[in-house]
Amino acid sequence: MNKDLIAACQMFLLPLSVLVTALGIAPTEDLKTGVSFIGVAISVAWFLRILFWKELSLADWLVALAFAVIFFAASAVSSCVHLQARHSGQPSASRTLR
């Protein structure tokens, strides 16, 4: 596997991992919505970086693109769910469990 690709994926995986943790401990729907939208933005940046990378083998390119798409889908779904909960006035799931 290409060492530059590994470094690039780590560059995006670290902030996305931190965002997943922040999403889990965020106390309000507003904060969860914001964190989710940041995840969407980082995923789009990752997707575009891999999409236009010309020196990758097809296998490396497909795997890296799949990672970006998976994180984009998860962040987009999370954004929609928390935005809808924010507008409907539903309490945060973390508050209902306590």
PDB file of N, CA and C in Angstrom:
ATOM      1  N   MET A   1       0.839  -1.175   0.000  1.00  0.00           N
ATOM      2  CA  MET A   1       0.000   0.000   0.000  1.00  0.00           C
ATOM      3  C   MET A   1       0.888   1.244   0.000  1.00  0.00           C
ATOM      4  N   ASN A   2       0.443   2.264  -0.649  1.00  0.00           N
ATOM      5  CA  ASN A   2       1.161   3.519  -0.799  1.00  0.00           C
ATOM      6  C   ASN A   2       1.293   4.238   0.558  1.00  0.00           C
ATOM      7  N   LYS A   3       2.530   4.562   0.961  1.00  0.00           N
ATOM      8  CA  LYS A   3       2.755   5.221   2.255  1.00  0.00           C
ATOM      9  C   LYS A   3       2.132   6.614   2.300  1.00  0.00           C
ATOM     10  N   ASP A   4       2.106   7.321   1.172  1.00  0.00           N
ATOM     11  CA  ASP A   4       1.453   8.634   1.133  1.00  0.00           C
ATOM     12  C   ASP A   4      -0.053   8.497   1.350  1.00  0.00           C
ATOM     13  N   LEU A   5      -0.620   7.439   0.807  1.00  0.00           N
ATOM     14  CA  LEU A   5      -2.055   7.186   0.996  1.00  0.00           C
ATOM     15  C   LEU A   5      -2.358   6.890   2.460  1.00  0.00           C
ATOM     16  N   ILE A   6      -1.507   6.098   3.107  1.00  0.00           N
ATOM     17  CA  ILE A   6      -1.700   5.791   4.520  1.00  0.00           C
ATOM     18  C   ILE A   6      -1.666   7.075   5.345  1.00  0.00           C
ATOM     19  N   ALA A   7      -0.711   7.938   5.067  1.00  0.00           N
ATOM     20  CA  ALA A   7      -0.600   9.205   5.796  1.00  0.00           C
ATOM     21  C   ALA A   7      -1.825  10.091   5.534  1.00  0.00           C
ATOM     22  N   ALA A   8      -2.289  10.121   4.300  1.00  0.00           N
ATOM     23  CA  ALA A   8      -3.462  10.938   3.969  1.00  0.00           C
ATOM     24  C   ALA A   8      -4.709  10.414   4.672  1.00  0.00           C
ATOM     25  N   CYS A   9      -4.880   9.110   4.704  1.00  0.00           N
ATOM     26  CA  CYS A   9      -6.054   8.536   5.382  1.00  0.00           C
ATOM     27  C   CYS A   9      -5.991   8.794   6.878  1.00  0.00           C
ATOM     28  N   GLN A  10      -4.801   8.700   7.465  1.00  0.00           N
ATOM     29  CA  GLN A  10      -4.664   9.004   8.888  1.00  0.00           C
ATOM     30  C   GLN A  10      -4.986  10.465   9.166  1.00  0.00           C
ATOM     31  N   MET A  11      -4.622  11.333   8.221  1.00  0.00           N
ATOM     32  CA  MET A  11      -4.886  12.758   8.386  1.00  0.00           C
ATOM     33  C   MET A  11      -6.390  13.023   8.498  1.00  0.00           C
ATOM     34  N   PHE A  12      -7.215  12.227   7.829  1.00  0.00           N
ATOM     35  CA  PHE A  12      -8.659  12.406   7.898  1.00  0.00           C
ATOM     36  C   PHE A  12      -9.305  11.543   8.969  1.00  0.00           C
ATOM     37  N   LEU A  13      -8.754  10.369   9.231  1.00  0.00           N
ATOM     38  CA  LEU A  13      -9.344   9.473  10.228  1.00  0.00           C
ATOM     39  C   LEU A  13      -9.247  10.020  11.644  1.00  0.00           C
ATOM     40  N   LEU A  14      -8.149  10.672  11.971  1.00  0.00           N
ATOM     41  CA  LEU A  14      -7.986  11.196  13.325  1.00  0.00           C
ATOM     42  C   LEU A  14      -9.058  12.234  13.665  1.00  0.00           C
ATOM     43  N   PRO A  15      -9.258  13.272  12.842  1.00  0.00           N
ATOM     44  CA  PRO A  15     -10.315  14.233  13.201  1.00  0.00           C
ATOM     45  C   PRO A  15     -11.709  13.612  13.195  1.00  0.00           C
ATOM     46  N   LEU A  16     -11.956  12.678  12.289  1.00  0.00           N
ATOM     47  CA  LEU A  16     -13.273  12.044  12.267  1.00  0.00           C
ATOM     48  C   LEU A  16     -13.492  11.187  13.511  1.00  0.00           C
ATOM     49  N   SER A  17     -12.450  10.548  14.004  1.00  0.00           N
ATOM     50  CA  SER A  17     -12.564   9.766  15.237  1.00  0.00           C
ATOM     51  C   SER A  17     -12.853  10.674  16.425  1.00  0.00           C
ATOM     52  N   VAL A  18     -12.186  11.809  16.469  1.00  0.00           N
ATOM     53  CA  VAL A  18     -12.438  12.776  17.541  1.00  0.00           C
ATOM     54  C   VAL A  18     -13.874  13.290  17.454  1.00  0.00           C
ATOM     55  N   LEU A  19     -14.355  13.529  16.246  1.00  0.00           N
ATOM     56  CA  LEU A  19     -15.731  14.009  16.074  1.00  0.00           C
ATOM     57  C   LEU A  19     -16.758  12.969  16.511  1.00  0.00           C
ATOM     58  N   VAL A  20     -16.499  11.703  16.261  1.00  0.00           N
ATOM     59  CA  VAL A  20     -17.420  10.654  16.701  1.00  0.00           C
ATOM     60  C   VAL A  20     -17.491  10.645  18.228  1.00  0.00           C
ATOM     61  N   THR A  21     -16.352  10.814  18.879  1.00  0.00           N
ATOM     62  CA  THR A  21     -16.334  10.894  20.339  1.00  0.00           C
ATOM     63  C   THR A  21     -17.079  12.132  20.819  1.00  0.00           C
ATOM     64  N   ALA A  22     -16.846  13.264  20.174  1.00  0.00           N
ATOM     65  CA  ALA A  22     -17.536  14.502  20.552  1.00  0.00           C
ATOM     66  C   ALA A  22     -19.039  14.367  20.356  1.00  0.00           C
ATOM     67  N   LEU A  23     -19.433  13.686  19.321  1.00  0.00           N
ATOM     68  CA  LEU A  23     -20.855  13.470  19.064  1.00  0.00           C
ATOM     69  C   LEU A  23     -21.479  12.643  20.182  1.00  0.00           C
ATOM     70  N   GLY A  24     -20.736  11.671  20.677  1.00  0.00           N
ATOM     71  CA  GLY A  24     -21.248  10.821  21.744  1.00  0.00           C
ATOM     72  C   GLY A  24     -21.416  11.534  23.075  1.00  0.00           C
ATOM     73  N   ILE A  25     -20.591  12.543  23.353  1.00  0.00           N
ATOM     74  CA  ILE A  25     -20.673  13.219  24.644  1.00  0.00           C
ATOM     75  C   ILE A  25     -21.337  14.589  24.579  1.00  0.00           C
ATOM     76  N   ALA A  26     -21.711  15.034  23.387  1.00  0.00           N
ATOM     77  CA  ALA A  26     -22.353  16.350  23.249  1.00  0.00           C
ATOM     78  C   ALA A  26     -23.696  16.358  23.987  1.00  0.00           C
ATOM     79  N   PRO A  27     -23.931  17.375  24.815  1.00  0.00           N
ATOM     80  CA  PRO A  27     -25.146  17.378  25.627  1.00  0.00           C
ATOM     81  C   PRO A  27     -26.396  17.932  24.928  1.00  0.00           C
ATOM     82  N   THR A  28     -26.230  18.673  23.842  1.00  0.00           N
ATOM     83  CA  THR A  28     -27.404  19.281  23.200  1.00  0.00           C
ATOM     84  C   THR A  28     -27.500  18.880  21.729  1.00  0.00           C
ATOM     85  N   GLU A  29     -28.714  18.951  21.202  1.00  0.00           N
ATOM     86  CA  GLU A  29     -28.921  18.639  19.778  1.00  0.00           C
ATOM     87  C   GLU A  29     -28.228  19.662  18.888  1.00  0.00           C
ATOM     88  N   ASP A  30     -28.164  20.910  19.344  1.00  0.00           N
ATOM     89  CA  ASP A  30     -27.461  21.932  18.553  1.00  0.00           C
ATOM     90  C   ASP A  30     -25.996  21.548  18.355  1.00  0.00           C
ATOM     91  N   LEU A  31     -25.367  21.142  19.426  1.00  0.00           N
ATOM     92  CA  LEU A  31     -23.953  20.762  19.346  1.00  0.00           C
ATOM     93  C   LEU A  31     -23.769  19.494  18.516  1.00  0.00           C
ATOM     94  N   LYS A  32     -24.650  18.526  18.695  1.00  0.00           N
ATOM     95  CA  LYS A  32     -24.573  17.290  17.911  1.00  0.00           C
ATOM     96  C   LYS A  32     -24.765  17.571  16.424  1.00  0.00           C
ATOM     97  N   THR A  33     -25.681  18.478  16.100  1.00  0.00           N
ATOM     98  CA  THR A  33     -25.901  18.849  14.702  1.00  0.00           C
ATOM     99  C   THR A  33     -24.653  19.508  14.116  1.00  0.00           C
ATOM    100  N   GLY A  34     -24.054  20.421  14.865  1.00  0.00           N
ATOM    101  CA  GLY A  34     -22.839  21.091  14.400  1.00  0.00           C
ATOM    102  C   GLY A  34     -21.682  20.137  14.192  1.00  0.00           C
ATOM    103  N   VAL A  35     -21.492  19.241  15.147  1.00  0.00           N
ATOM    104  CA  VAL A  35     -20.417  18.250  15.038  1.00  0.00           C
ATOM    105  C   VAL A  35     -20.651  17.349  13.824  1.00  0.00           C
ATOM    106  N   SER A  36     -21.896  16.976  13.586  1.00  0.00           N
ATOM    107  CA  SER A  36     -22.221  16.117  12.438  1.00  0.00           C
ATOM    108  C   SER A  36     -21.925  16.831  11.122  1.00  0.00           C
ATOM    109  N   PHE A  37     -22.253  18.119  11.043  1.00  0.00           N
ATOM    110  CA  PHE A  37     -21.971  18.866   9.819  1.00  0.00           C
ATOM    111  C   PHE A  37     -20.469  19.037   9.587  1.00  0.00           C
ATOM    112  N   ILE A  38     -19.708  19.177  10.659  1.00  0.00           N
ATOM    113  CA  ILE A  38     -18.247  19.217  10.515  1.00  0.00           C
ATOM    114  C   ILE A  38     -17.746  17.886   9.962  1.00  0.00           C
ATOM    115  N   GLY A  39     -18.332  16.783  10.416  1.00  0.00           N
ATOM    116  CA  GLY A  39     -17.983  15.468   9.887  1.00  0.00           C
ATOM    117  C   GLY A  39     -18.273  15.350   8.401  1.00  0.00           C
ATOM    118  N   VAL A  40     -19.398  15.919   7.968  1.00  0.00           N
ATOM    119  CA  VAL A  40     -19.729  15.917   6.537  1.00  0.00           C
ATOM    120  C   VAL A  40     -18.662  16.691   5.757  1.00  0.00           C
ATOM    121  N   ALA A  41     -18.281  17.860   6.269  1.00  0.00           N
ATOM    122  CA  ALA A  41     -17.279  18.682   5.577  1.00  0.00           C
ATOM    123  C   ALA A  41     -15.937  17.966   5.466  1.00  0.00           C
ATOM    124  N   ILE A  42     -15.495  17.327   6.546  1.00  0.00           N
ATOM    125  CA  ILE A  42     -14.222  16.600   6.511  1.00  0.00           C
ATOM    126  C   ILE A  42     -14.311  15.414   5.557  1.00  0.00           C
ATOM    127  N   SER A  43     -15.440  14.721   5.556  1.00  0.00           N
ATOM    128  CA  SER A  43     -15.614  13.579   4.649  1.00  0.00           C
ATOM    129  C   SER A  43     -15.586  14.010   3.185  1.00  0.00           C
ATOM    130  N   VAL A  44     -16.196  15.142   2.883  1.00  0.00           N
ATOM    131  CA  VAL A  44     -16.175  15.657   1.505  1.00  0.00           C
ATOM    132  C   VAL A  44     -14.744  16.015   1.102  1.00  0.00           C
ATOM    133  N   ALA A  45     -14.008  16.647   2.018  1.00  0.00           N
ATOM    134  CA  ALA A  45     -12.605  16.987   1.713  1.00  0.00           C
ATOM    135  C   ALA A  45     -11.791  15.722   1.462  1.00  0.00           C
ATOM    136  N   TRP A  46     -12.012  14.690   2.261  1.00  0.00           N
ATOM    137  CA  TRP A  46     -11.308  13.416   2.096  1.00  0.00           C
ATOM    138  C   TRP A  46     -11.679  12.787   0.756  1.00  0.00           C
ATOM    139  N   PHE A  47     -12.965  12.773   0.444  1.00  0.00           N
ATOM    140  CA  PHE A  47     -13.435  12.206  -0.821  1.00  0.00           C
ATOM    141  C   PHE A  47     -12.790  12.908  -2.014  1.00  0.00           C
ATOM    142  N   LEU A  48     -12.782  14.237  -1.988  1.00  0.00           N
ATOM    143  CA  LEU A  48     -12.204  14.988  -3.110  1.00  0.00           C
ATOM    144  C   LEU A  48     -10.700  14.776  -3.220  1.00  0.00           C
ATOM    145  N   ARG A  49     -10.029  14.669  -2.076  1.00  0.00           N
ATOM    146  CA  ARG A  49      -8.575  14.436  -2.111  1.00  0.00           C
ATOM    147  C   ARG A  49      -8.251  13.104  -2.769  1.00  0.00           C
ATOM    148  N   ILE A  50      -9.011  12.075  -2.422  1.00  0.00           N
ATOM    149  CA  ILE A  50      -8.771  10.756  -2.999  1.00  0.00           C
ATOM    150  C   ILE A  50      -9.232  10.705  -4.459  1.00  0.00           C
ATOM    151  N   LEU A  51     -10.346  11.337  -4.748  1.00  0.00           N
ATOM    152  CA  LEU A  51     -10.910  11.307  -6.098  1.00  0.00           C
ATOM    153  C   LEU A  51      -9.926  11.827  -7.147  1.00  0.00           C
ATOM    154  N   PHE A  52      -9.194  12.873  -6.800  1.00  0.00           N
ATOM    155  CA  PHE A  52      -8.288  13.483  -7.777  1.00  0.00           C
ATOM    156  C   PHE A  52      -6.830  13.057  -7.610  1.00  0.00           C
ATOM    157  N   TRP A  53      -6.589  12.024  -6.851  1.00  0.00           N
ATOM    158  CA  TRP A  53      -5.235  11.504  -6.661  1.00  0.00           C
ATOM    159  C   TRP A  53      -4.922  10.572  -7.821  1.00  0.00           C
ATOM    160  N   LYS A  54      -3.994  10.960  -8.666  1.00  0.00           N
ATOM    161  CA  LYS A  54      -3.715  10.233  -9.909  1.00  0.00           C
ATOM    162  C   LYS A  54      -2.729   9.081  -9.761  1.00  0.00           C
ATOM    163  N   GLU A  55      -1.834   9.123  -8.770  1.00  0.00           N
ATOM    164  CA  GLU A  55      -0.766   8.141  -8.679  1.00  0.00           C
ATOM    165  C   GLU A  55      -1.145   6.862  -7.929  1.00  0.00           C
ATOM    166  N   LEU A  56      -2.390   6.688  -7.547  1.00  0.00           N
ATOM    167  CA  LEU A  56      -2.794   5.508  -6.772  1.00  0.00           C
ATOM    168  C   LEU A  56      -3.151   4.344  -7.681  1.00  0.00           C
ATOM    169  N   SER A  57      -2.892   3.142  -7.179  1.00  0.00           N
ATOM    170  CA  SER A  57      -3.367   1.960  -7.900  1.00  0.00           C
ATOM    171  C   SER A  57      -4.894   1.915  -7.749  1.00  0.00           C
ATOM    172  N   LEU A  58      -5.538   1.184  -8.611  1.00  0.00           N
ATOM    173  CA  LEU A  58      -7.001   1.110  -8.591  1.00  0.00           C
ATOM    174  C   LEU A  58      -7.504   0.554  -7.256  1.00  0.00           C
ATOM    175  N   ALA A  59      -6.857  -0.476  -6.738  1.00  0.00           N
ATOM    176  CA  ALA A  59      -7.291  -1.079  -5.469  1.00  0.00           C
ATOM    177  C   ALA A  59      -7.178  -0.079  -4.318  1.00  0.00           C
ATOM    178  N   ASP A  60      -6.046   0.618  -4.215  1.00  0.00           N
ATOM    179  CA  ASP A  60      -5.865   1.621  -3.156  1.00  0.00           C
ATOM    180  C   ASP A  60      -6.876   2.750  -3.308  1.00  0.00           C
ATOM    181  N   TRP A  61      -7.088   3.180  -4.528  1.00  0.00           N
ATOM    182  CA  TRP A  61      -8.022   4.270  -4.798  1.00  0.00           C
ATOM    183  C   TRP A  61      -9.443   3.887  -4.375  1.00  0.00           C
ATOM    184  N   LEU A  62      -9.864   2.679  -4.707  1.00  0.00           N
ATOM    185  CA  LEU A  62     -11.220   2.236  -4.358  1.00  0.00           C
ATOM    186  C   LEU A  62     -11.410   2.090  -2.859  1.00  0.00           C
ATOM    187  N   VAL A  63     -10.414   1.533  -2.170  1.00  0.00           N
ATOM    188  CA  VAL A  63     -10.524   1.355  -0.721  1.00  0.00           C
ATOM    189  C   VAL A  63     -10.578   2.717  -0.023  1.00  0.00           C
ATOM    190  N   ALA A  64      -9.692   3.618  -0.389  1.00  0.00           N
ATOM    191  CA  ALA A  64      -9.676   4.945   0.237  1.00  0.00           C
ATOM    192  C   ALA A  64     -10.971   5.706  -0.060  1.00  0.00           C
ATOM    193  N   LEU A  65     -11.466   5.582  -1.270  1.00  0.00           N
ATOM    194  CA  LEU A  65     -12.724   6.239  -1.626  1.00  0.00           C
ATOM    195  C   LEU A  65     -13.883   5.634  -0.840  1.00  0.00           C
ATOM    196  N   ALA A  66     -13.852   4.323  -0.633  1.00  0.00           N
ATOM    197  CA  ALA A  66     -14.906   3.667   0.154  1.00  0.00           C
ATOM    198  C   ALA A  66     -14.917   4.181   1.591  1.00  0.00           C
ATOM    199  N   PHE A  67     -13.738   4.350   2.197  1.00  0.00           N
ATOM    200  CA  PHE A  67     -13.669   4.901   3.553  1.00  0.00           C
ATOM    201  C   PHE A  67     -14.302   6.293   3.602  1.00  0.00           C
ATOM    202  N   ALA A  68     -13.967   7.125   2.640  1.00  0.00           N
ATOM    203  CA  ALA A  68     -14.515   8.485   2.610  1.00  0.00           C
ATOM    204  C   ALA A  68     -16.029   8.462   2.454  1.00  0.00           C
ATOM    205  N   VAL A  69     -16.528   7.596   1.603  1.00  0.00           N
ATOM    206  CA  VAL A  69     -17.978   7.502   1.372  1.00  0.00           C
ATOM    207  C   VAL A  69     -18.690   6.984   2.621  1.00  0.00           C
ATOM    208  N   ILE A  70     -18.096   6.004   3.294  1.00  0.00           N
ATOM    209  CA  ILE A  70     -18.703   5.463   4.515  1.00  0.00           C
ATOM    210  C   ILE A  70     -18.810   6.552   5.581  1.00  0.00           C
ATOM    211  N   PHE A  71     -17.750   7.304   5.799  1.00  0.00           N
ATOM    212  CA  PHE A  71     -17.801   8.374   6.790  1.00  0.00           C
ATOM    213  C   PHE A  71     -18.751   9.488   6.356  1.00  0.00           C
ATOM    214  N   PHE A  72     -18.807   9.770   5.058  1.00  0.00           N
ATOM    215  CA  PHE A  72     -19.749  10.774   4.582  1.00  0.00           C
ATOM    216  C   PHE A  72     -21.184  10.335   4.859  1.00  0.00           C
ATOM    217  N   ALA A  73     -21.502   9.084   4.541  1.00  0.00           N
ATOM    218  CA  ALA A  73     -22.862   8.585   4.753  1.00  0.00           C
ATOM    219  C   ALA A  73     -23.232   8.626   6.236  1.00  0.00           C
ATOM    220  N   ALA A  74     -22.326   8.188   7.093  1.00  0.00           N
ATOM    221  CA  ALA A  74     -22.605   8.201   8.532  1.00  0.00           C
ATOM    222  C   ALA A  74     -22.796   9.622   9.045  1.00  0.00           C
ATOM    223  N   SER A  75     -21.954  10.538   8.600  1.00  0.00           N
ATOM    224  CA  SER A  75     -22.068  11.928   9.041  1.00  0.00           C
ATOM    225  C   SER A  75     -23.327  12.587   8.494  1.00  0.00           C
ATOM    226  N   ALA A  76     -23.676  12.280   7.257  1.00  0.00           N
ATOM    227  CA  ALA A  76     -24.879  12.859   6.658  1.00  0.00           C
ATOM    228  C   ALA A  76     -26.140  12.361   7.366  1.00  0.00           C
ATOM    229  N   VAL A  77     -26.197  11.075   7.649  1.00  0.00           N
ATOM    230  CA  VAL A  77     -27.353  10.527   8.373  1.00  0.00           C
ATOM    231  C   VAL A  77     -27.434  11.144   9.767  1.00  0.00           C
ATOM    232  N   SER A  78     -26.296  11.225  10.450  1.00  0.00           N
ATOM    233  CA  SER A  78     -26.263  11.827  11.779  1.00  0.00           C
ATOM    234  C   SER A  78     -26.715  13.288  11.726  1.00  0.00           C
ATOM    235  N   SER A  79     -26.265  14.020  10.712  1.00  0.00           N
ATOM    236  CA  SER A  79     -26.683  15.421  10.562  1.00  0.00           C
ATOM    237  C   SER A  79     -28.189  15.537  10.394  1.00  0.00           C
ATOM    238  N   CYS A  80     -28.746  14.702   9.557  1.00  0.00           N
ATOM    239  CA  CYS A  80     -30.192  14.737   9.313  1.00  0.00           C
ATOM    240  C   CYS A  80     -30.983  14.380  10.567  1.00  0.00           C
ATOM    241  N   VAL A  81     -30.558  13.341  11.259  1.00  0.00           N
ATOM    242  CA  VAL A  81     -31.264  12.894  12.466  1.00  0.00           C
ATOM    243  C   VAL A  81     -31.229  13.978  13.545  1.00  0.00           C
ATOM    244  N   HIS A  82     -30.060  14.550  13.782  1.00  0.00           N
ATOM    245  CA  HIS A  82     -29.946  15.552  14.843  1.00  0.00           C
ATOM    246  C   HIS A  82     -30.583  16.887  14.445  1.00  0.00           C
ATOM    247  N   LEU A  83     -30.545  17.210  13.172  1.00  0.00           N
ATOM    248  CA  LEU A  83     -31.225  18.425  12.719  1.00  0.00           C
ATOM    249  C   LEU A  83     -32.739  18.276  12.877  1.00  0.00           C
ATOM    250  N   GLN A  84     -33.259  17.114  12.532  1.00  0.00           N
ATOM    251  CA  GLN A  84     -34.689  16.859  12.689  1.00  0.00           C
ATOM    252  C   GLN A  84     -35.073  16.873  14.172  1.00  0.00           C
ATOM    253  N   ALA A  85     -34.276  16.255  15.024  1.00  0.00           N
ATOM    254  CA  ALA A  85     -34.559  16.247  16.461  1.00  0.00           C
ATOM    255  C   ALA A  85     -34.485  17.651  17.033  1.00  0.00           C
ATOM    256  N   ARG A  86     -33.564  18.444  16.520  1.00  0.00           N
ATOM    257  CA  ARG A  86     -33.414  19.829  16.981  1.00  0.00           C
ATOM    258  C   ARG A  86     -34.656  20.637  16.647  1.00  0.00           C
ATOM    259  N   HIS A  87     -35.184  20.452  15.441  1.00  0.00           N
ATOM    260  CA  HIS A  87     -36.353  21.220  15.015  1.00  0.00           C
ATOM    261  C   HIS A  87     -37.655  20.698  15.605  1.00  0.00           C
ATOM    262  N   SER A  88     -37.692  19.433  15.986  1.00  0.00           N
ATOM    263  CA  SER A  88     -38.929  18.889  16.545  1.00  0.00           C
ATOM    264  C   SER A  88     -38.992  19.082  18.055  1.00  0.00           C
ATOM    265  N   GLY A  89     -37.900  19.528  18.653  1.00  0.00           N
ATOM    266  CA  GLY A  89     -37.886  19.773  20.084  1.00  0.00           C
ATOM    267  C   GLY A  89     -37.725  18.520  20.918  1.00  0.00           C
ATOM    268  N   GLN A  90     -37.342  17.415  20.311  1.00  0.00           N
ATOM    269  CA  GLN A  90     -37.141  16.177  21.052  1.00  0.00           C
ATOM    270  C   GLN A  90     -35.893  16.310  21.932  1.00  0.00           C
ATOM    271  N   PRO A  91     -35.937  15.724  23.122  1.00  0.00           N
ATOM    272  CA  PRO A  91     -34.730  15.757  23.966  1.00  0.00           C
ATOM    273  C   PRO A  91     -33.638  14.875  23.352  1.00  0.00           C
ATOM    274  N   SER A  92     -32.426  15.188  23.673  1.00  0.00           N
ATOM    275  CA  SER A  92     -31.298  14.403  23.195  1.00  0.00           C
ATOM    276  C   SER A  92     -31.386  12.984  23.747  1.00  0.00           C
ATOM    277  N   ALA A  93     -30.966  12.022  22.943  1.00  0.00           N
ATOM    278  CA  ALA A  93     -31.004  10.626  23.387  1.00  0.00           C
ATOM    279  C   ALA A  93     -30.146  10.431  24.628  1.00  0.00           C
ATOM    280  N   SER A  94     -29.041  11.147  24.747  1.00  0.00           N
ATOM    281  CA  SER A  94     -28.182  10.991  25.922  1.00  0.00           C
ATOM    282  C   SER A  94     -28.880  11.496  27.178  1.00  0.00           C
ATOM    283  N   ARG A  95     -29.761  12.480  27.046  1.00  0.00           N
ATOM    284  CA  ARG A  95     -30.482  12.985  28.212  1.00  0.00           C
ATOM    285  C   ARG A  95     -31.633  12.074  28.596  1.00  0.00           C
ATOM    286  N   THR A  96     -32.221  11.366  27.645  1.00  0.00           N
ATOM    287  CA  THR A  96     -33.347  10.497  27.965  1.00  0.00           C
ATOM    288  C   THR A  96     -32.891   9.220  28.652  1.00  0.00           C
ATOM    289  N   LEU A  97     -31.625   8.853  28.504  1.00  0.00           N
ATOM    290  CA  LEU A  97     -31.126   7.625  29.114  1.00  0.00           C
ATOM    291  C   LEU A  97     -30.758   7.804  30.581  1.00  0.00           C
ATOM    292  N   ARG A  98     -30.571   9.026  30.998  1.00  0.00           N
ATOM    293  CA  ARG A  98     -30.122   9.293  32.390  1.00  0.00           C
ATOM    294  C   ARG A  98     -31.248   9.219  33.361  1.00  0.00           C
TER     295      ARG A  98
END
